[in-house]
N, C-alpha and C. Protein backbone atom coordinates (compact mmCIF):
# COMPACT_ATOMS: atom_id res chain seq x y z
N MET A 1 0.84 -1.18 0.00
CA MET A 1 0.00 0.00 0.00
C MET A 1 0.90 1.25 0.00
N ARG A 2 0.51 2.23 -0.75
CA ARG A 2 1.28 3.47 -0.82
C ARG A 2 1.05 4.32 0.42
N GLU A 3 2.08 5.06 0.76
CA GLU A 3 1.95 6.00 1.87
C GLU A 3 1.49 7.35 1.35
N CYS A 4 0.80 8.08 2.17
CA CYS A 4 0.31 9.40 1.80
C CYS A 4 1.45 10.41 1.87
N ASN A 5 1.61 11.19 0.83
CA ASN A 5 2.63 12.24 0.77
C ASN A 5 1.97 13.57 1.14
N ILE A 6 1.73 13.75 2.42
CA ILE A 6 0.95 14.89 2.90
C ILE A 6 1.55 16.23 2.47
N GLU A 7 2.84 16.40 2.61
CA GLU A 7 3.45 17.69 2.26
C GLU A 7 3.35 17.96 0.76
N GLN A 8 3.56 16.96 -0.07
CA GLN A 8 3.39 17.14 -1.51
C GLN A 8 1.95 17.46 -1.85
N ASN A 9 1.01 16.77 -1.20
CA ASN A 9 -0.41 17.03 -1.44
C ASN A 9 -0.79 18.45 -1.03
N LYS A 10 -0.27 18.90 0.11
CA LYS A 10 -0.58 20.25 0.58
C LYS A 10 -0.09 21.30 -0.42
N ALA A 11 1.06 21.06 -1.02
CA ALA A 11 1.63 22.01 -1.97
C ALA A 11 0.75 22.19 -3.21
N LYS A 12 -0.04 21.16 -3.54
CA LYS A 12 -0.90 21.20 -4.72
C LYS A 12 -2.36 21.48 -4.37
N CYS A 13 -2.68 21.53 -3.09
CA CYS A 13 -4.06 21.69 -2.65
C CYS A 13 -4.51 23.15 -2.77
N ASN A 14 -5.63 23.36 -3.44
CA ASN A 14 -6.15 24.72 -3.62
C ASN A 14 -7.25 25.08 -2.62
N CYS A 15 -7.43 24.27 -1.60
CA CYS A 15 -8.45 24.53 -0.59
C CYS A 15 -8.09 25.78 0.21
N THR A 16 -9.01 26.73 0.26
CA THR A 16 -8.77 27.97 1.00
C THR A 16 -9.37 27.95 2.41
N TYR A 17 -10.02 26.85 2.78
CA TYR A 17 -10.60 26.76 4.13
C TYR A 17 -9.49 26.50 5.14
N GLU A 18 -9.35 27.42 6.07
CA GLU A 18 -8.36 27.26 7.15
C GLU A 18 -9.08 27.38 8.47
N PRO A 19 -8.81 26.58 9.42
CA PRO A 19 -7.88 25.47 9.40
C PRO A 19 -8.60 24.19 9.00
N CYS A 20 -8.14 23.54 7.97
CA CYS A 20 -8.71 22.27 7.53
C CYS A 20 -7.83 21.14 8.03
N GLU A 21 -8.39 20.29 8.86
CA GLU A 21 -7.61 19.18 9.43
C GLU A 21 -7.33 18.07 8.42
N ARG A 22 -8.01 18.11 7.26
CA ARG A 22 -7.81 17.08 6.24
C ARG A 22 -6.88 17.53 5.12
N LYS A 23 -6.41 18.77 5.16
CA LYS A 23 -5.56 19.30 4.09
C LYS A 23 -4.32 18.41 3.91
N GLY A 24 -4.13 17.95 2.70
CA GLY A 24 -3.00 17.08 2.38
C GLY A 24 -3.28 15.60 2.57
N ILE A 25 -4.40 15.28 3.16
CA ILE A 25 -4.78 13.87 3.37
C ILE A 25 -5.97 13.61 2.46
N CYS A 26 -5.67 13.41 1.19
CA CYS A 26 -6.70 13.39 0.14
C CYS A 26 -7.79 12.34 0.39
N CYS A 27 -7.41 11.16 0.83
CA CYS A 27 -8.43 10.11 1.03
C CYS A 27 -9.45 10.54 2.08
N GLU A 28 -9.02 11.21 3.14
CA GLU A 28 -9.94 11.69 4.17
C GLU A 28 -10.78 12.85 3.64
N CYS A 29 -10.17 13.73 2.86
CA CYS A 29 -10.88 14.87 2.29
C CYS A 29 -12.00 14.41 1.36
N ILE A 30 -11.68 13.51 0.47
CA ILE A 30 -12.68 12.99 -0.47
C ILE A 30 -13.81 12.29 0.28
N ARG A 31 -13.46 11.46 1.25
CA ARG A 31 -14.48 10.75 2.03
C ARG A 31 -15.38 11.73 2.77
N TYR A 32 -14.80 12.76 3.37
CA TYR A 32 -15.56 13.77 4.10
C TYR A 32 -16.54 14.50 3.18
N HIS A 33 -16.02 15.05 2.09
CA HIS A 33 -16.89 15.81 1.20
C HIS A 33 -17.95 14.93 0.55
N TRP A 34 -17.59 13.72 0.16
CA TRP A 34 -18.56 12.82 -0.47
C TRP A 34 -19.69 12.49 0.50
N SER A 35 -19.37 12.37 1.79
CA SER A 35 -20.42 12.07 2.78
C SER A 35 -21.43 13.22 2.89
N LEU A 36 -21.02 14.42 2.46
CA LEU A 36 -21.90 15.59 2.47
C LEU A 36 -22.55 15.84 1.11
N GLY A 37 -22.28 14.96 0.16
CA GLY A 37 -22.80 15.15 -1.20
C GLY A 37 -22.04 16.23 -1.95
N GLU A 38 -20.77 16.39 -1.61
CA GLU A 38 -19.92 17.42 -2.20
C GLU A 38 -18.69 16.79 -2.84
N LEU A 39 -17.91 17.64 -3.50
CA LEU A 39 -16.60 17.27 -4.02
C LEU A 39 -15.57 18.16 -3.35
N PRO A 40 -14.33 17.70 -3.22
CA PRO A 40 -13.30 18.53 -2.59
C PRO A 40 -12.86 19.70 -3.47
N ALA A 41 -12.16 20.64 -2.87
CA ALA A 41 -11.71 21.86 -3.55
C ALA A 41 -10.94 21.57 -4.83
N CYS A 42 -10.13 20.54 -4.84
CA CYS A 42 -9.26 20.27 -5.99
C CYS A 42 -10.04 19.93 -7.26
N PHE A 43 -11.32 19.71 -7.15
CA PHE A 43 -12.15 19.44 -8.32
C PHE A 43 -12.62 20.73 -8.99
N PHE A 44 -12.35 21.87 -8.36
CA PHE A 44 -12.87 23.15 -8.84
C PHE A 44 -11.74 24.11 -9.21
N PRO A 45 -11.99 24.98 -10.19
CA PRO A 45 -11.04 26.06 -10.45
C PRO A 45 -10.95 26.97 -9.22
N ASP A 46 -9.84 27.67 -9.07
CA ASP A 46 -9.62 28.49 -7.87
C ASP A 46 -10.73 29.50 -7.61
N ASP A 47 -11.22 30.17 -8.64
CA ASP A 47 -12.25 31.18 -8.43
C ASP A 47 -13.56 30.58 -7.93
N VAL A 48 -13.88 29.38 -8.36
CA VAL A 48 -15.10 28.70 -7.91
C VAL A 48 -14.88 28.12 -6.52
N GLU A 49 -13.70 27.59 -6.26
CA GLU A 49 -13.40 27.02 -4.95
C GLU A 49 -13.60 28.04 -3.86
N ARG A 50 -13.23 29.29 -4.09
CA ARG A 50 -13.33 30.35 -3.07
C ARG A 50 -14.77 30.65 -2.66
N THR A 51 -15.75 30.18 -3.44
CA THR A 51 -17.15 30.40 -3.07
C THR A 51 -17.62 29.40 -2.02
N TYR A 52 -16.83 28.35 -1.80
CA TYR A 52 -17.16 27.25 -0.89
C TYR A 52 -18.41 26.47 -1.30
N ASP A 53 -18.87 26.66 -2.52
CA ASP A 53 -19.96 25.83 -3.04
C ASP A 53 -19.31 24.61 -3.68
N ARG A 54 -19.27 23.53 -2.93
CA ARG A 54 -18.61 22.31 -3.39
C ARG A 54 -19.62 21.28 -3.88
N SER A 55 -20.80 21.72 -4.19
CA SER A 55 -21.86 20.80 -4.59
C SER A 55 -21.57 20.17 -5.95
N ILE A 56 -22.15 19.01 -6.13
CA ILE A 56 -22.02 18.32 -7.42
C ILE A 56 -22.68 19.15 -8.51
N GLU A 57 -23.77 19.81 -8.18
CA GLU A 57 -24.45 20.67 -9.14
C GLU A 57 -23.53 21.81 -9.61
N LYS A 58 -22.78 22.39 -8.68
CA LYS A 58 -21.85 23.47 -9.03
C LYS A 58 -20.73 22.94 -9.92
N PHE A 59 -20.24 21.76 -9.61
CA PHE A 59 -19.21 21.12 -10.43
C PHE A 59 -19.71 20.94 -11.87
N ILE A 60 -20.90 20.39 -12.00
CA ILE A 60 -21.46 20.15 -13.33
C ILE A 60 -21.67 21.45 -14.08
N SER A 61 -22.28 22.44 -13.43
CA SER A 61 -22.55 23.70 -14.13
C SER A 61 -21.25 24.42 -14.50
N THR A 62 -20.25 24.35 -13.64
CA THR A 62 -18.96 24.99 -13.94
C THR A 62 -18.35 24.41 -15.20
N TYR A 63 -18.33 23.08 -15.30
CA TYR A 63 -17.67 22.47 -16.44
C TYR A 63 -18.55 22.40 -17.68
N GLN A 64 -19.85 22.57 -17.52
CA GLN A 64 -20.70 22.75 -18.70
C GLN A 64 -20.40 24.10 -19.34
N GLN A 65 -20.16 25.10 -18.52
CA GLN A 65 -19.85 26.44 -19.01
C GLN A 65 -18.43 26.56 -19.54
N ARG A 66 -17.48 25.91 -18.86
CA ARG A 66 -16.06 26.10 -19.18
C ARG A 66 -15.46 24.99 -20.03
N GLY A 67 -16.15 23.90 -20.18
CA GLY A 67 -15.60 22.79 -20.93
C GLY A 67 -14.87 21.81 -20.03
N ARG A 68 -14.04 20.98 -20.63
CA ARG A 68 -13.34 19.92 -19.90
C ARG A 68 -12.53 20.45 -18.74
N TRP A 69 -12.36 19.63 -17.72
CA TRP A 69 -11.60 20.03 -16.55
C TRP A 69 -10.24 19.34 -16.48
N TRP A 70 -9.97 18.42 -17.36
CA TRP A 70 -8.66 17.75 -17.32
C TRP A 70 -7.82 18.11 -18.48
């Protein structure tokens, strides 16, 4: 099993919520947000992430307007 590279993950994390206890621990972040019917910050462009609307609906509407996300 791979180990989590927390510091590397934190360097790439665009989450602006402070203090987030899951920052850099992607598996916990995804599990947390999914349990709320949301997606984590890294699924959103920076300007959308700052709104804290992490809903699946926001994800879909963002990428319908902007095109592909990958």
